[in-house]
Amino acid sequence: MNKERAVTKALAGLDTDFVKAFSEPARVDILKHLIVLGPCDVKTLAGKMPQDRSVISRHLSVLHKAGFLNYRKDGRHAVYWLNGDETLKMSERLVATVRECLKLGCC
């Protein structure tokens, strides 16, 4: 495999829901709030942020799909919290992708 193909293959590790979830500053803010506050529902998070509840809810859905969050239903409400183990695993995969690219001489 030539260098360009190897780098392209390694960079595929950056095209993930995990990385895409970080592309929106509001989602990063949600993660920060969940780390500080612990488990929260949409109403609580919306009270801490400038976005509407519907926007917060959509961001929570993206974060959950990416593996950052766990949730449980509590009556009509969903309570979200950080999935620390999965977030750590995905972060380690991201670091491994960058290391692989560096080994290939991309930078």
PDB file of N, CA and C in Angstrom:
ATOM      1  N   MET A   1       0.857  -1.177   0.000  1.00  0.00           N
ATOM      2  CA  MET A   1       0.000   0.000   0.000  1.00  0.00           C
ATOM      3  C   MET A   1       0.904   1.242   0.000  1.00  0.00           C
ATOM      4  N   ASN A   2       0.602   2.192  -0.892  1.00  0.00           N
ATOM      5  CA  ASN A   2       1.429   3.397  -0.929  1.00  0.00           C
ATOM      6  C   ASN A   2       1.034   4.340   0.213  1.00  0.00           C
ATOM      7  N   LYS A   3       1.881   5.351   0.403  1.00  0.00           N
ATOM      8  CA  LYS A   3       1.690   6.270   1.532  1.00  0.00           C
ATOM      9  C   LYS A   3       0.335   6.973   1.482  1.00  0.00           C
ATOM     10  N   GLU A   4      -0.054   7.466   0.302  1.00  0.00           N
ATOM     11  CA  GLU A   4      -1.323   8.198   0.192  1.00  0.00           C
ATOM     12  C   GLU A   4      -2.508   7.316   0.572  1.00  0.00           C
ATOM     13  N   ARG A   5      -2.513   6.088   0.113  1.00  0.00           N
ATOM     14  CA  ARG A   5      -3.602   5.162   0.459  1.00  0.00           C
ATOM     15  C   ARG A   5      -3.591   4.843   1.947  1.00  0.00           C
ATOM     16  N   ALA A   6      -2.409   4.669   2.509  1.00  0.00           N
ATOM     17  CA  ALA A   6      -2.293   4.351   3.938  1.00  0.00           C
ATOM     18  C   ALA A   6      -2.806   5.513   4.789  1.00  0.00           C
ATOM     19  N   VAL A   7      -2.431   6.746   4.403  1.00  0.00           N
ATOM     20  CA  VAL A   7      -2.888   7.916   5.143  1.00  0.00           C
ATOM     21  C   VAL A   7      -4.404   8.064   5.003  1.00  0.00           C
ATOM     22  N   THR A   8      -4.922   7.876   3.788  1.00  0.00           N
ATOM     23  CA  THR A   8      -6.368   7.968   3.557  1.00  0.00           C
ATOM     24  C   THR A   8      -7.113   6.945   4.410  1.00  0.00           C
ATOM     25  N   LYS A   9      -6.581   5.744   4.465  1.00  0.00           N
ATOM     26  CA  LYS A   9      -7.204   4.696   5.286  1.00  0.00           C
ATOM     27  C   LYS A   9      -7.174   5.077   6.762  1.00  0.00           C
ATOM     28  N   ALA A  10      -6.038   5.589   7.221  1.00  0.00           N
ATOM     29  CA  ALA A  10      -5.923   5.989   8.628  1.00  0.00           C
ATOM     30  C   ALA A  10      -6.876   7.140   8.945  1.00  0.00           C
ATOM     31  N   LEU A  11      -6.992   8.087   8.018  1.00  0.00           N
ATOM     32  CA  LEU A  11      -7.855   9.247   8.249  1.00  0.00           C
ATOM     33  C   LEU A  11      -9.334   8.893   8.288  1.00  0.00           C
ATOM     34  N   ALA A  12      -9.693   7.728   7.798  1.00  0.00           N
ATOM     35  CA  ALA A  12     -11.087   7.292   7.886  1.00  0.00           C
ATOM     36  C   ALA A  12     -11.529   7.241   9.343  1.00  0.00           C
ATOM     37  N   GLY A  13     -10.581   7.084  10.245  1.00  0.00           N
ATOM     38  CA  GLY A  13     -10.887   7.088  11.675  1.00  0.00           C
ATOM     39  C   GLY A  13     -11.353   8.440  12.184  1.00  0.00           C
ATOM     40  N   LEU A  14     -11.162   9.486  11.374  1.00  0.00           N
ATOM     41  CA  LEU A  14     -11.642  10.816  11.762  1.00  0.00           C
ATOM     42  C   LEU A  14     -13.058  11.073  11.288  1.00  0.00           C
ATOM     43  N   ASP A  15     -13.541  10.263  10.362  1.00  0.00           N
ATOM     44  CA  ASP A  15     -14.883  10.445   9.814  1.00  0.00           C
ATOM     45  C   ASP A  15     -15.874   9.589  10.609  1.00  0.00           C
ATOM     46  N   THR A  16     -16.070   9.989  11.856  1.00  0.00           N
ATOM     47  CA  THR A  16     -16.938   9.233  12.753  1.00  0.00           C
ATOM     48  C   THR A  16     -17.955  10.158  13.407  1.00  0.00           C
ATOM     49  N   ASP A  17     -19.023   9.577  13.928  1.00  0.00           N
ATOM     50  CA  ASP A  17     -20.018  10.367  14.662  1.00  0.00           C
ATOM     51  C   ASP A  17     -19.381  11.050  15.869  1.00  0.00           C
ATOM     52  N   PHE A  18     -18.385  10.394  16.467  1.00  0.00           N
ATOM     53  CA  PHE A  18     -17.691  10.962  17.627  1.00  0.00           C
ATOM     54  C   PHE A  18     -17.054  12.299  17.270  1.00  0.00           C
ATOM     55  N   VAL A  19     -16.296  12.339  16.176  1.00  0.00           N
ATOM     56  CA  VAL A  19     -15.626  13.567  15.767  1.00  0.00           C
ATOM     57  C   VAL A  19     -16.645  14.601  15.308  1.00  0.00           C
ATOM     58  N   LYS A  20     -17.652  14.167  14.553  1.00  0.00           N
ATOM     59  CA  LYS A  20     -18.680  15.087  14.060  1.00  0.00           C
ATOM     60  C   LYS A  20     -19.457  15.735  15.205  1.00  0.00           C
ATOM     61  N   ALA A  21     -19.622  15.013  16.284  1.00  0.00           N
ATOM     62  CA  ALA A  21     -20.359  15.561  17.432  1.00  0.00           C
ATOM     63  C   ALA A  21     -19.646  16.775  18.017  1.00  0.00           C
ATOM     64  N   PHE A  22     -18.332  16.824  17.890  1.00  0.00           N
ATOM     65  CA  PHE A  22     -17.559  17.965  18.390  1.00  0.00           C
ATOM     66  C   PHE A  22     -17.593  19.171  17.461  1.00  0.00           C
ATOM     67  N   SER A  23     -18.218  19.021  16.298  1.00  0.00           N
ATOM     68  CA  SER A  23     -18.215  20.115  15.322  1.00  0.00           C
ATOM     69  C   SER A  23     -19.163  21.245  15.687  1.00  0.00           C
ATOM     70  N   GLU A  24     -19.977  21.055  16.685  1.00  0.00           N
ATOM     71  CA  GLU A  24     -20.959  22.064  17.089  1.00  0.00           C
ATOM     72  C   GLU A  24     -20.645  22.525  18.513  1.00  0.00           C
ATOM     73  N   PRO A  25     -20.309  23.802  18.695  1.00  0.00           N
ATOM     74  CA  PRO A  25     -19.967  24.304  20.034  1.00  0.00           C
ATOM     75  C   PRO A  25     -21.070  24.070  21.080  1.00  0.00           C
ATOM     76  N   ALA A  26     -22.316  24.088  20.676  1.00  0.00           N
ATOM     77  CA  ALA A  26     -23.398  23.856  21.639  1.00  0.00           C
ATOM     78  C   ALA A  26     -23.319  22.446  22.225  1.00  0.00           C
ATOM     79  N   ARG A  27     -22.902  21.482  21.419  1.00  0.00           N
ATOM     80  CA  ARG A  27     -22.783  20.112  21.932  1.00  0.00           C
ATOM     81  C   ARG A  27     -21.636  20.010  22.928  1.00  0.00           C
ATOM     82  N   VAL A  28     -20.563  20.732  22.672  1.00  0.00           N
ATOM     83  CA  VAL A  28     -19.446  20.760  23.622  1.00  0.00           C
ATOM     84  C   VAL A  28     -19.927  21.393  24.929  1.00  0.00           C
ATOM     85  N   ASP A  29     -20.716  22.452  24.841  1.00  0.00           N
ATOM     86  CA  ASP A  29     -21.275  23.083  26.048  1.00  0.00           C
ATOM     87  C   ASP A  29     -22.177  22.120  26.812  1.00  0.00           C
ATOM     88  N   ILE A  30     -22.985  21.359  26.079  1.00  0.00           N
ATOM     89  CA  ILE A  30     -23.846  20.367  26.743  1.00  0.00           C
ATOM     90  C   ILE A  30     -22.992  19.368  27.510  1.00  0.00           C
ATOM     91  N   LEU A  31     -21.927  18.886  26.884  1.00  0.00           N
ATOM     92  CA  LEU A  31     -21.040  17.944  27.575  1.00  0.00           C
ATOM     93  C   LEU A  31     -20.453  18.562  28.835  1.00  0.00           C
ATOM     94  N   LYS A  32     -20.030  19.813  28.732  1.00  0.00           N
ATOM     95  CA  LYS A  32     -19.486  20.504  29.906  1.00  0.00           C
ATOM     96  C   LYS A  32     -20.522  20.572  31.025  1.00  0.00           C
ATOM     97  N   HIS A  33     -21.753  20.940  30.681  1.00  0.00           N
ATOM     98  CA  HIS A  33     -22.809  21.026  31.697  1.00  0.00           C
ATOM     99  C   HIS A  33     -23.081  19.664  32.336  1.00  0.00           C
ATOM    100  N   LEU A  34     -23.108  18.622  31.531  1.00  0.00           N
ATOM    101  CA  LEU A  34     -23.370  17.296  32.082  1.00  0.00           C
ATOM    102  C   LEU A  34     -22.230  16.827  32.987  1.00  0.00           C
ATOM    103  N   ILE A  35     -21.015  17.204  32.648  1.00  0.00           N
ATOM    104  CA  ILE A  35     -19.877  16.844  33.505  1.00  0.00           C
ATOM    105  C   ILE A  35     -19.989  17.564  34.852  1.00  0.00           C
ATOM    106  N   VAL A  36     -20.335  18.842  34.815  1.00  0.00           N
ATOM    107  CA  VAL A  36     -20.418  19.639  36.046  1.00  0.00           C
ATOM    108  C   VAL A  36     -21.666  19.287  36.856  1.00  0.00           C
ATOM    109  N   LEU A  37     -22.810  19.193  36.187  1.00  0.00           N
ATOM    110  CA  LEU A  37     -24.080  19.003  36.897  1.00  0.00           C
ATOM    111  C   LEU A  37     -24.434  17.549  37.167  1.00  0.00           C
ATOM    112  N   GLY A  38     -23.876  16.642  36.384  1.00  0.00           N
ATOM    113  CA  GLY A  38     -24.285  15.248  36.475  1.00  0.00           C
ATOM    114  C   GLY A  38     -25.527  15.027  35.631  1.00  0.00           C
ATOM    115  N   PRO A  39     -26.239  13.931  35.859  1.00  0.00           N
ATOM    116  CA  PRO A  39     -27.408  13.607  35.044  1.00  0.00           C
ATOM    117  C   PRO A  39     -28.433  14.750  35.018  1.00  0.00           C
ATOM    118  N   CYS A  40     -28.925  15.062  33.804  1.00  0.00           N
ATOM    119  CA  CYS A  40     -29.882  16.162  33.623  1.00  0.00           C
ATOM    120  C   CYS A  40     -30.921  15.785  32.578  1.00  0.00           C
ATOM    121  N   ASP A  41     -32.062  16.415  32.692  1.00  0.00           N
ATOM    122  CA  ASP A  41     -33.052  16.308  31.626  1.00  0.00           C
ATOM    123  C   ASP A  41     -32.934  17.523  30.716  1.00  0.00           C
ATOM    124  N   VAL A  42     -33.695  17.528  29.633  1.00  0.00           N
ATOM    125  CA  VAL A  42     -33.615  18.601  28.643  1.00  0.00           C
ATOM    126  C   VAL A  42     -33.973  19.944  29.274  1.00  0.00           C
ATOM    127  N   LYS A  43     -34.990  19.967  30.110  1.00  0.00           N
ATOM    128  CA  LYS A  43     -35.428  21.220  30.727  1.00  0.00           C
ATOM    129  C   LYS A  43     -34.307  21.851  31.554  1.00  0.00           C
ATOM    130  N   THR A  44     -33.617  21.045  32.331  1.00  0.00           N
ATOM    131  CA  THR A  44     -32.520  21.552  33.158  1.00  0.00           C
ATOM    132  C   THR A  44     -31.407  22.119  32.284  1.00  0.00           C
ATOM    133  N   LEU A  45     -31.030  21.373  31.243  1.00  0.00           N
ATOM    134  CA  LEU A  45     -29.978  21.847  30.349  1.00  0.00           C
ATOM    135  C   LEU A  45     -30.405  23.117  29.619  1.00  0.00           C
ATOM    136  N   ALA A  46     -31.640  23.167  29.164  1.00  0.00           N
ATOM    137  CA  ALA A  46     -32.133  24.349  28.452  1.00  0.00           C
ATOM    138  C   ALA A  46     -32.135  25.572  29.360  1.00  0.00           C
ATOM    139  N   GLY A  47     -32.295  25.380  30.649  1.00  0.00           N
ATOM    140  CA  GLY A  47     -32.242  26.491  31.593  1.00  0.00           C
ATOM    141  C   GLY A  47     -30.842  27.064  31.765  1.00  0.00           C
ATOM    142  N   LYS A  48     -29.851  26.296  31.364  1.00  0.00           N
ATOM    143  CA  LYS A  48     -28.451  26.720  31.493  1.00  0.00           C
ATOM    144  C   LYS A  48     -27.870  27.251  30.181  1.00  0.00           C
ATOM    145  N   MET A  49     -28.626  27.098  29.086  1.00  0.00           N
ATOM    146  CA  MET A  49     -28.094  27.421  27.766  1.00  0.00           C
ATOM    147  C   MET A  49     -29.038  28.349  27.018  1.00  0.00           C
ATOM    148  N   PRO A  50     -28.527  29.072  26.012  1.00  0.00           N
ATOM    149  CA  PRO A  50     -29.368  30.010  25.273  1.00  0.00           C
ATOM    150  C   PRO A  50     -30.295  29.348  24.246  1.00  0.00           C
ATOM    151  N   GLN A  51     -30.060  28.095  23.903  1.00  0.00           N
ATOM    152  CA  GLN A  51     -30.868  27.425  22.894  1.00  0.00           C
ATOM    153  C   GLN A  51     -32.222  26.973  23.458  1.00  0.00           C
ATOM    154  N   ASP A  52     -33.195  26.816  22.557  1.00  0.00           N
ATOM    155  CA  ASP A  52     -34.502  26.285  22.934  1.00  0.00           C
ATOM    156  C   ASP A  52     -34.393  24.807  23.291  1.00  0.00           C
ATOM    157  N   ARG A  53     -35.393  24.336  24.018  1.00  0.00           N
ATOM    158  CA  ARG A  53     -35.404  22.927  24.431  1.00  0.00           C
ATOM    159  C   ARG A  53     -35.345  21.988  23.238  1.00  0.00           C
ATOM    160  N   SER A  54     -36.038  22.327  22.151  1.00  0.00           N
ATOM    161  CA  SER A  54     -36.040  21.443  20.976  1.00  0.00           C
ATOM    162  C   SER A  54     -34.642  21.323  20.377  1.00  0.00           C
ATOM    163  N   VAL A  55     -33.900  22.409  20.389  1.00  0.00           N
ATOM    164  CA  VAL A  55     -32.525  22.393  19.861  1.00  0.00           C
ATOM    165  C   VAL A  55     -31.633  21.563  20.779  1.00  0.00           C
ATOM    166  N   ILE A  56     -31.777  21.762  22.068  1.00  0.00           N
ATOM    167  CA  ILE A  56     -31.003  20.969  23.045  1.00  0.00           C
ATOM    168  C   ILE A  56     -31.318  19.490  22.872  1.00  0.00           C
ATOM    169  N   SER A  57     -32.573  19.173  22.695  1.00  0.00           N
ATOM    170  CA  SER A  57     -32.990  17.785  22.515  1.00  0.00           C
ATOM    171  C   SER A  57     -32.330  17.164  21.277  1.00  0.00           C
ATOM    172  N   ARG A  58     -32.285  17.906  20.189  1.00  0.00           N
ATOM    173  CA  ARG A  58     -31.633  17.393  18.965  1.00  0.00           C
ATOM    174  C   ARG A  58     -30.137  17.172  19.204  1.00  0.00           C
ATOM    175  N   HIS A  59     -29.501  18.108  19.902  1.00  0.00           N
ATOM    176  CA  HIS A  59     -28.074  17.948  20.202  1.00  0.00           C
ATOM    177  C   HIS A  59     -27.843  16.733  21.102  1.00  0.00           C
ATOM    178  N   LEU A  60     -28.715  16.520  22.065  1.00  0.00           N
ATOM    179  CA  LEU A  60     -28.589  15.350  22.936  1.00  0.00           C
ATOM    180  C   LEU A  60     -28.712  14.059  22.128  1.00  0.00           C
ATOM    181  N   SER A  61     -29.594  14.071  21.156  1.00  0.00           N
ATOM    182  CA  SER A  61     -29.764  12.895  20.297  1.00  0.00           C
ATOM    183  C   SER A  61     -28.480  12.602  19.510  1.00  0.00           C
ATOM    184  N   VAL A  62     -27.850  13.639  18.975  1.00  0.00           N
ATOM    185  CA  VAL A  62     -26.588  13.469  18.239  1.00  0.00           C
ATOM    186  C   VAL A  62     -25.509  12.936  19.166  1.00  0.00           C
ATOM    187  N   LEU A  63     -25.422  13.500  20.363  1.00  0.00           N
ATOM    188  CA  LEU A  63     -24.409  13.061  21.332  1.00  0.00           C
ATOM    189  C   LEU A  63     -24.650  11.620  21.768  1.00  0.00           C
ATOM    190  N   HIS A  64     -25.905  11.245  21.935  1.00  0.00           N
ATOM    191  CA  HIS A  64     -26.236   9.865  22.306  1.00  0.00           C
ATOM    192  C   HIS A  64     -25.860   8.918  21.176  1.00  0.00           C
ATOM    193  N   LYS A  65     -26.226   9.277  19.947  1.00  0.00           N
ATOM    194  CA  LYS A  65     -25.905   8.438  18.787  1.00  0.00           C
ATOM    195  C   LYS A  65     -24.398   8.264  18.639  1.00  0.00           C
ATOM    196  N   ALA A  66     -23.641   9.309  18.956  1.00  0.00           N
ATOM    197  CA  ALA A  66     -22.179   9.253  18.846  1.00  0.00           C
ATOM    198  C   ALA A  66     -21.542   8.438  19.965  1.00  0.00           C
ATOM    199  N   GLY A  67     -22.316   8.118  21.004  1.00  0.00           N
ATOM    200  CA  GLY A  67     -21.791   7.300  22.089  1.00  0.00           C
ATOM    201  C   GLY A  67     -21.353   8.070  23.319  1.00  0.00           C
ATOM    202  N   PHE A  68     -21.505   9.396  23.293  1.00  0.00           N
ATOM    203  CA  PHE A  68     -21.096  10.209  24.437  1.00  0.00           C
ATOM    204  C   PHE A  68     -22.007  10.043  25.648  1.00  0.00           C
ATOM    205  N   LEU A  69     -23.283   9.789  25.402  1.00  0.00           N
ATOM    206  CA  LEU A  69     -24.263   9.850  26.486  1.00  0.00           C
ATOM    207  C   LEU A  69     -25.022   8.548  26.669  1.00  0.00           C
ATOM    208  N   ASN A  70     -25.424   8.341  27.891  1.00  0.00           N
ATOM    209  CA  ASN A  70     -26.430   7.345  28.246  1.00  0.00           C
ATOM    210  C   ASN A  70     -27.688   8.111  28.620  1.00  0.00           C
ATOM    211  N   TYR A  71     -28.815   7.432  28.591  1.00  0.00           N
ATOM    212  CA  TYR A  71     -30.036   8.074  29.085  1.00  0.00           C
ATOM    213  C   TYR A  71     -30.994   7.017  29.597  1.00  0.00           C
ATOM    214  N   ARG A  72     -31.922   7.503  30.397  1.00  0.00           N
ATOM    215  CA  ARG A  72     -32.999   6.643  30.883  1.00  0.00           C
ATOM    216  C   ARG A  72     -34.268   7.476  30.873  1.00  0.00           C
ATOM    217  N   LYS A  73     -35.362   6.808  30.647  1.00  0.00           N
ATOM    218  CA  LYS A  73     -36.653   7.481  30.692  1.00  0.00           C
ATOM    219  C   LYS A  73     -37.093   7.586  32.144  1.00  0.00           C
ATOM    220  N   ASP A  74     -37.565   8.748  32.500  1.00  0.00           N
ATOM    221  CA  ASP A  74     -38.090   9.005  33.838  1.00  0.00           C
ATOM    222  C   ASP A  74     -39.463   9.639  33.634  1.00  0.00           C
ATOM    223  N   GLY A  75     -40.482   8.786  33.475  1.00  0.00           N
ATOM    224  CA  GLY A  75     -41.810   9.282  33.126  1.00  0.00           C
ATOM    225  C   GLY A  75     -41.770   9.821  31.710  1.00  0.00           C
ATOM    226  N   ARG A  76     -42.188  11.064  31.542  1.00  0.00           N
ATOM    227  CA  ARG A  76     -42.178  11.694  30.224  1.00  0.00           C
ATOM    228  C   ARG A  76     -40.824  12.299  29.886  1.00  0.00           C
ATOM    229  N   HIS A  77     -39.923  12.309  30.837  1.00  0.00           N
ATOM    230  CA  HIS A  77     -38.630  12.950  30.657  1.00  0.00           C
ATOM    231  C   HIS A  77     -37.530  11.915  30.427  1.00  0.00           C
ATOM    232  N   ALA A  78     -36.524  12.336  29.685  1.00  0.00           N
ATOM    233  CA  ALA A  78     -35.320  11.525  29.522  1.00  0.00           C
ATOM    234  C   ALA A  78     -34.206  12.229  30.288  1.00  0.00           C
ATOM    235  N   VAL A  79     -33.477  11.454  31.064  1.00  0.00           N
ATOM    236  CA  VAL A  79     -32.354  11.978  31.835  1.00  0.00           C
ATOM    237  C   VAL A  79     -31.075  11.480  31.175  1.00  0.00           C
ATOM    238  N   TYR A  80     -30.174  12.409  30.880  1.00  0.00           N
ATOM    239  CA  TYR A  80     -28.930  12.108  30.171  1.00  0.00           C
ATOM    240  C   TYR A  80     -27.738  12.271  31.099  1.00  0.00           C
ATOM    241  N   TRP A  81     -26.694  11.460  30.851  1.00  0.00           N
ATOM    242  CA  TRP A  81     -25.435  11.610  31.562  1.00  0.00           C
ATOM    243  C   TRP A  81     -24.307  11.108  30.669  1.00  0.00           C
ATOM    244  N   LEU A  82     -23.110  11.559  30.976  1.00  0.00           N
ATOM    245  CA  LEU A  82     -21.937  11.221  30.179  1.00  0.00           C
ATOM    246  C   LEU A  82     -21.620   9.740  30.290  1.00  0.00           C
ATOM    247  N   ASN A  83     -21.375   9.110  29.154  1.00  0.00           N
ATOM    248  CA  ASN A  83     -20.919   7.726  29.110  1.00  0.00           C
ATOM    249  C   ASN A  83     -19.391   7.776  29.109  1.00  0.00           C
ATOM    250  N   GLY A  84     -18.818   7.890  30.293  1.00  0.00           N
ATOM    251  CA  GLY A  84     -17.386   8.105  30.443  1.00  0.00           C
ATOM    252  C   GLY A  84     -16.526   7.021  29.821  1.00  0.00           C
ATOM    253  N   ASP A  85     -16.886   5.756  30.029  1.00  0.00           N
ATOM    254  CA  ASP A  85     -16.065   4.667  29.493  1.00  0.00           C
ATOM    255  C   ASP A  85     -16.029   4.696  27.973  1.00  0.00           C
ATOM    256  N   GLU A  86     -17.181   4.876  27.345  1.00  0.00           N
ATOM    257  CA  GLU A  86     -17.227   4.902  25.878  1.00  0.00           C
ATOM    258  C   GLU A  86     -16.541   6.146  25.327  1.00  0.00           C
ATOM    259  N   THR A  87     -16.715   7.279  25.997  1.00  0.00           N
ATOM    260  CA  THR A  87     -16.054   8.506  25.559  1.00  0.00           C
ATOM    261  C   THR A  87     -14.536   8.339  25.614  1.00  0.00           C
ATOM    262  N   LEU A  88     -14.046   7.706  26.655  1.00  0.00           N
ATOM    263  CA  LEU A  88     -12.608   7.448  26.773  1.00  0.00           C
ATOM    264  C   LEU A  88     -12.129   6.521  25.660  1.00  0.00           C
ATOM    265  N   LYS A  89     -12.866   5.451  25.383  1.00  0.00           N
ATOM    266  CA  LYS A  89     -12.480   4.527  24.313  1.00  0.00           C
ATOM    267  C   LYS A  89     -12.427   5.240  22.962  1.00  0.00           C
ATOM    268  N   MET A  90     -13.432   6.056  22.675  1.00  0.00           N
ATOM    269  CA  MET A  90     -13.468   6.760  21.393  1.00  0.00           C
ATOM    270  C   MET A  90     -12.339   7.782  21.305  1.00  0.00           C
ATOM    271  N   SER A  91     -12.029   8.427  22.417  1.00  0.00           N
ATOM    272  CA  SER A  91     -10.918   9.382  22.446  1.00  0.00           C
ATOM    273  C   SER A  91      -9.599   8.676  22.183  1.00  0.00           C
ATOM    274  N   GLU A  92      -9.437   7.507  22.765  1.00  0.00           N
ATOM    275  CA  GLU A  92      -8.213   6.737  22.554  1.00  0.00           C
ATOM    276  C   GLU A  92      -8.087   6.292  21.107  1.00  0.00           C
ATOM    277  N   ARG A  93      -9.220   5.940  20.457  1.00  0.00           N
ATOM    278  CA  ARG A  93      -9.181   5.578  19.032  1.00  0.00           C
ATOM    279  C   ARG A  93      -8.771   6.774  18.184  1.00  0.00           C
ATOM    280  N   LEU A  94      -9.254   7.950  18.548  1.00  0.00           N
ATOM    281  CA  LEU A  94      -8.896   9.165  17.827  1.00  0.00           C
ATOM    282  C   LEU A  94      -7.390   9.435  17.949  1.00  0.00           C
ATOM    283  N   VAL A  95      -6.854   9.291  19.139  1.00  0.00           N
ATOM    284  CA  VAL A  95      -5.418   9.475  19.354  1.00  0.00           C
ATOM    285  C   VAL A  95      -4.637   8.435  18.548  1.00  0.00           C
ATOM    286  N   ALA A  96      -5.115   7.205  18.521  1.00  0.00           N
ATOM    287  CA  ALA A  96      -4.438   6.150  17.748  1.00  0.00           C
ATOM    288  C   ALA A  96      -4.446   6.485  16.259  1.00  0.00           C
ATOM    289  N   THR A  97      -5.509   7.073  15.762  1.00  0.00           N
ATOM    290  CA  THR A  97      -5.588   7.485  14.355  1.00  0.00           C
ATOM    291  C   THR A  97      -4.534   8.540  14.055  1.00  0.00           C
ATOM    292  N   VAL A  98      -4.424   9.529  14.926  1.00  0.00           N
ATOM    293  CA  VAL A  98      -3.425  10.585  14.725  1.00  0.00           C
ATOM    294  C   VAL A  98      -2.016   9.988  14.788  1.00  0.00           C
ATOM    295  N   ARG A  99      -1.780   9.087  15.724  1.00  0.00           N
ATOM    296  CA  ARG A  99      -0.451   8.437  15.823  1.00  0.00           C
ATOM    297  C   ARG A  99      -0.120   7.671  14.560  1.00  0.00           C
ATOM    298  N   GLU A 100      -1.122   6.969  14.030  1.00  0.00           N
ATOM    299  CA  GLU A 100      -0.907   6.197  12.806  1.00  0.00           C
ATOM    300  C   GLU A 100      -0.536   7.129  11.649  1.00  0.00           C
ATOM    301  N   CYS A 101      -1.218   8.242  11.551  1.00  0.00           N
ATOM    302  CA  CYS A 101      -0.904   9.220  10.496  1.00  0.00           C
ATOM    303  C   CYS A 101       0.513   9.782  10.670  1.00  0.00           C
ATOM    304  N   LEU A 102       0.896  10.050  11.897  1.00  0.00           N
ATOM    305  CA  LEU A 102       2.245  10.553  12.156  1.00  0.00           C
ATOM    306  C   LEU A 102       3.303   9.519  11.764  1.00  0.00           C
ATOM    307  N   LYS A 103       3.038   8.247  12.067  1.00  0.00           N
ATOM    308  CA  LYS A 103       3.974   7.183  11.676  1.00  0.00           C
ATOM    309  C   LYS A 103       4.134   7.094  10.165  1.00  0.00           C
ATOM    310  N   LEU A 104       3.069   7.444   9.462  1.00  0.00           N
ATOM    311  CA  LEU A 104       3.099   7.400   8.001  1.00  0.00           C
ATOM    312  C   LEU A 104       3.747   8.634   7.397  1.00  0.00           C
ATOM    313  N   GLY A 105       4.129   9.570   8.268  1.00  0.00           N
ATOM    314  CA  GLY A 105       4.826  10.755   7.794  1.00  0.00           C
ATOM    315  C   GLY A 105       3.925  11.811   7.197  1.00  0.00           C
ATOM    316  N   CYS A 106       2.698  11.884   7.650  1.00  0.00           N
ATOM    317  CA  CYS A 106       1.764  12.855   7.066  1.00  0.00           C
ATOM    318  C   CYS A 106       2.026  14.274   7.551  1.00  0.00           C
ATOM    319  N   CYS A 107       2.719  14.434   8.668  1.00  0.00           N
ATOM    320  CA  CYS A 107       2.908  15.781   9.238  1.00  0.00           C
ATOM    321  C   CYS A 107       4.365  16.013   9.598  1.00  0.00           C
TER     322      CYS A 107
END
